[in-house]
Amino acid sequence: MESPLKYINQAIEQAQENVKSGRGGPFAAIVVRNGEVIAIGANSVTSTNDPTAHAEINAIREACQKLNTFQLDDCEIYSSCEPCPMCLGAIYWARFRRVYYAATQDEAAAAGFDDSFIYREIETPPLIRSIPFIHVDAKDATLPFQIWNEIENKITY
């Protein structure tokens, strides 16, 4: 196995280039499978007006398209920075084998990218979050799950 530093340095270089080019924030991520770079993603939140266009998300989307799969369990992801809560969730959903990162969330916070409030919000009861989450008791709320469970030839994930 190659040293993680090779891909981490590549992600850091991509993050620097992303900032210099004006395409987005100082973040990049690389998906690797068996020593081969499958996808490179950079933050494009501001250039695409998409708050979900983080480096890891962009890299995951590209890798899944290239590999024609929704699970990347035989891949690693290398990020220029510790993934935010959204990217952390996507990484778990993609089922990566391993995650490597360079800068920490504290170092990102010092540069103005503080995600700690999101971690706190997750632990806060839904109704008293800074954006209230209101449960609506709909009669058919679980009907889609019932239909899902009845399908025999579904692709589980």
Protein backbone atom coordinates (compact mmCIF):
# COMPACT_ATOMS: atom_id res chain seq x y z
CA MET A 1 0.00 0.00 0.00
CA GLU A 2 1.27 3.43 -0.91
CA SER A 3 1.83 6.10 1.69
CA PRO A 4 -1.30 8.14 2.42
CA LEU A 5 0.87 11.24 2.21
CA LYS A 6 1.03 10.99 -1.60
CA TYR A 7 -2.73 11.41 -1.97
CA ILE A 8 -3.06 13.83 0.96
CA ASN A 9 -0.49 16.12 -0.67
CA GLN A 10 -2.37 15.83 -3.95
CA ALA A 11 -5.60 16.81 -2.18
CA ILE A 12 -3.88 19.78 -0.53
CA GLU A 13 -2.53 20.92 -3.92
CA GLN A 14 -6.02 20.61 -5.45
CA ALA A 15 -7.49 22.63 -2.56
CA GLN A 16 -4.93 25.39 -3.11
CA GLU A 17 -5.65 25.44 -6.85
CA ASN A 18 -9.37 25.58 -6.16
CA VAL A 19 -8.95 28.73 -4.08
CA LYS A 20 -6.57 30.38 -6.56
CA SER A 21 -8.92 29.66 -9.48
CA GLY A 22 -11.91 31.14 -7.64
CA ARG A 23 -14.00 28.00 -8.14
CA GLY A 24 -14.66 27.46 -4.43
CA GLY A 25 -13.39 26.95 -0.93
CA PRO A 26 -10.06 25.52 0.27
CA PHE A 27 -11.08 21.87 0.19
CA ALA A 28 -10.37 18.89 -2.07
CA ALA A 29 -10.82 15.14 -1.84
CA ILE A 30 -9.56 12.15 -3.79
CA VAL A 31 -11.14 8.70 -4.10
CA VAL A 32 -8.62 5.90 -4.60
CA ARG A 33 -9.16 2.21 -5.34
CA ASN A 34 -6.27 -0.23 -5.39
CA GLY A 35 -3.73 2.57 -5.82
CA GLU A 36 -5.63 4.18 -8.71
CA VAL A 37 -7.18 7.64 -8.47
CA ILE A 38 -10.84 7.21 -9.38
CA ALA A 39 -12.11 10.73 -8.72
CA ILE A 40 -10.95 14.14 -7.57
CA GLY A 41 -13.42 16.58 -6.11
CA ALA A 42 -13.00 20.16 -5.04
CA ASN A 43 -15.36 22.43 -3.16
CA SER A 44 -17.66 24.25 -5.59
CA VAL A 45 -20.29 25.64 -3.20
CA THR A 46 -19.99 29.27 -4.31
CA SER A 47 -19.41 28.67 -8.02
CA THR A 48 -22.42 26.34 -8.35
CA ASN A 49 -24.66 27.93 -5.70
CA ASP A 50 -24.98 24.48 -4.16
CA PRO A 51 -24.42 24.18 -0.40
CA THR A 52 -23.91 20.42 -0.80
CA ALA A 53 -21.07 20.78 -3.34
CA HIS A 54 -18.33 19.97 -0.84
CA ALA A 55 -15.13 18.32 -2.05
CA GLU A 56 -15.95 14.92 -0.60
CA ILE A 57 -19.49 14.95 -2.00
CA ASN A 58 -18.23 15.94 -5.46
CA ALA A 59 -15.56 13.22 -5.35
CA ILE A 60 -18.06 10.60 -4.17
CA ARG A 61 -20.52 11.49 -6.94
CA GLU A 62 -17.82 11.28 -9.60
CA ALA A 63 -16.43 8.00 -8.27
CA CYS A 64 -19.86 6.40 -8.12
CA GLN A 65 -20.58 7.46 -11.70
CA LYS A 66 -17.25 6.15 -12.97
CA LEU A 67 -17.55 2.85 -11.12
CA ASN A 68 -21.29 2.52 -11.76
CA THR A 69 -22.08 1.82 -8.10
CA PHE A 70 -23.50 3.55 -5.05
CA GLN A 71 -21.11 1.89 -2.62
CA LEU A 72 -17.38 2.53 -2.48
CA ASP A 73 -16.46 -0.13 0.06
CA ASP A 74 -13.30 -1.06 -1.82
CA CYS A 75 -12.07 2.56 -1.87
CA GLU A 76 -10.36 5.07 0.38
CA ILE A 77 -10.99 8.79 0.43
CA TYR A 78 -8.24 11.33 1.05
CA SER A 79 -9.32 14.81 2.06
CA SER A 80 -7.43 18.03 2.51
CA CYS A 81 -9.45 18.57 5.69
CA GLU A 82 -11.39 16.54 8.23
CA PRO A 83 -14.85 16.02 6.73
CA CYS A 84 -17.78 18.10 7.95
CA PRO A 85 -20.92 16.41 9.35
CA MET A 86 -22.62 16.25 5.94
CA CYS A 87 -19.58 14.71 4.27
CA LEU A 88 -19.08 12.37 7.22
CA GLY A 89 -22.60 11.07 6.64
CA ALA A 90 -21.97 10.64 2.90
CA ILE A 91 -18.72 8.81 3.61
CA TYR A 92 -20.54 6.35 5.85
CA TRP A 93 -23.34 5.88 3.30
CA ALA A 94 -20.74 5.19 0.60
CA ARG A 95 -19.08 2.70 2.99
CA PHE A 96 -15.48 3.69 2.36
CA ARG A 97 -12.83 1.32 3.63
CA ARG A 98 -10.78 4.14 5.16
CA VAL A 99 -10.65 7.95 5.44
CA TYR A 100 -7.46 10.01 5.51
CA TYR A 101 -7.44 13.75 6.13
CA ALA A 102 -4.90 16.54 6.57
CA ALA A 103 -6.21 19.64 8.40
CA THR A 104 -8.40 19.09 11.45
CA GLN A 105 -11.85 20.52 12.08
CA ASP A 106 -10.27 22.88 14.64
CA GLU A 107 -7.83 24.18 12.03
CA ALA A 108 -10.73 24.68 9.60
CA ALA A 109 -12.67 26.54 12.30
CA ALA A 110 -9.71 28.86 12.86
CA ALA A 111 -9.94 29.76 9.16
CA GLY A 112 -13.67 30.51 9.42
CA PHE A 113 -15.10 27.08 8.57
CA ASP A 114 -16.59 26.09 11.92
CA ASP A 115 -18.94 23.11 11.76
CA SER A 116 -19.04 22.47 15.50
CA PHE A 117 -22.50 24.05 15.77
CA ILE A 118 -23.87 21.33 13.48
CA TYR A 119 -22.55 18.60 15.77
CA ARG A 120 -24.25 20.39 18.69
CA GLU A 121 -27.49 20.74 16.72
CA ILE A 122 -27.60 16.98 16.07
CA GLU A 123 -27.64 16.40 19.82
CA THR A 124 -30.29 19.08 20.44
CA PRO A 125 -33.97 18.06 20.60
CA PRO A 126 -35.58 18.80 17.21
CA LEU A 127 -38.02 21.49 18.37
CA ILE A 128 -35.37 23.63 20.05
CA ARG A 129 -32.70 23.52 17.33
CA SER A 130 -31.72 26.85 15.79
CA ILE A 131 -33.87 25.75 12.83
CA PRO A 132 -36.87 24.01 14.44
CA PHE A 133 -37.60 20.50 13.14
CA ILE A 134 -41.31 19.85 13.49
CA HIS A 135 -42.70 16.32 13.33
CA VAL A 136 -46.01 16.14 11.48
CA ASP A 137 -48.12 13.13 12.41
CA ALA A 138 -49.29 12.12 8.94
CA LYS A 139 -51.53 9.06 8.66
CA ASP A 140 -49.57 7.56 5.73
CA ALA A 141 -46.08 8.52 6.90
CA THR A 142 -44.83 4.94 6.99
CA LEU A 143 -46.64 3.77 3.85
CA PRO A 144 -43.57 4.24 1.60
CA PHE A 145 -41.59 1.97 3.97
CA GLN A 146 -44.34 -0.66 3.90
CA ILE A 147 -44.32 -0.66 0.10
CA TRP A 148 -40.52 -0.86 0.12
CA ASN A 149 -40.56 -3.86 2.45
CA GLU A 150 -43.04 -5.69 0.17
CA ILE A 151 -40.86 -5.40 -2.94
CA GLU A 152 -38.94 -8.61 -3.50
CA ASN A 153 -36.42 -7.53 -6.17
CA LYS A 154 -35.30 -4.26 -4.57
CA ILE A 155 -31.68 -3.16 -4.41
CA THR A 156 -30.94 -2.76 -0.72
CA TYR A 157 -28.48 -0.22 0.54
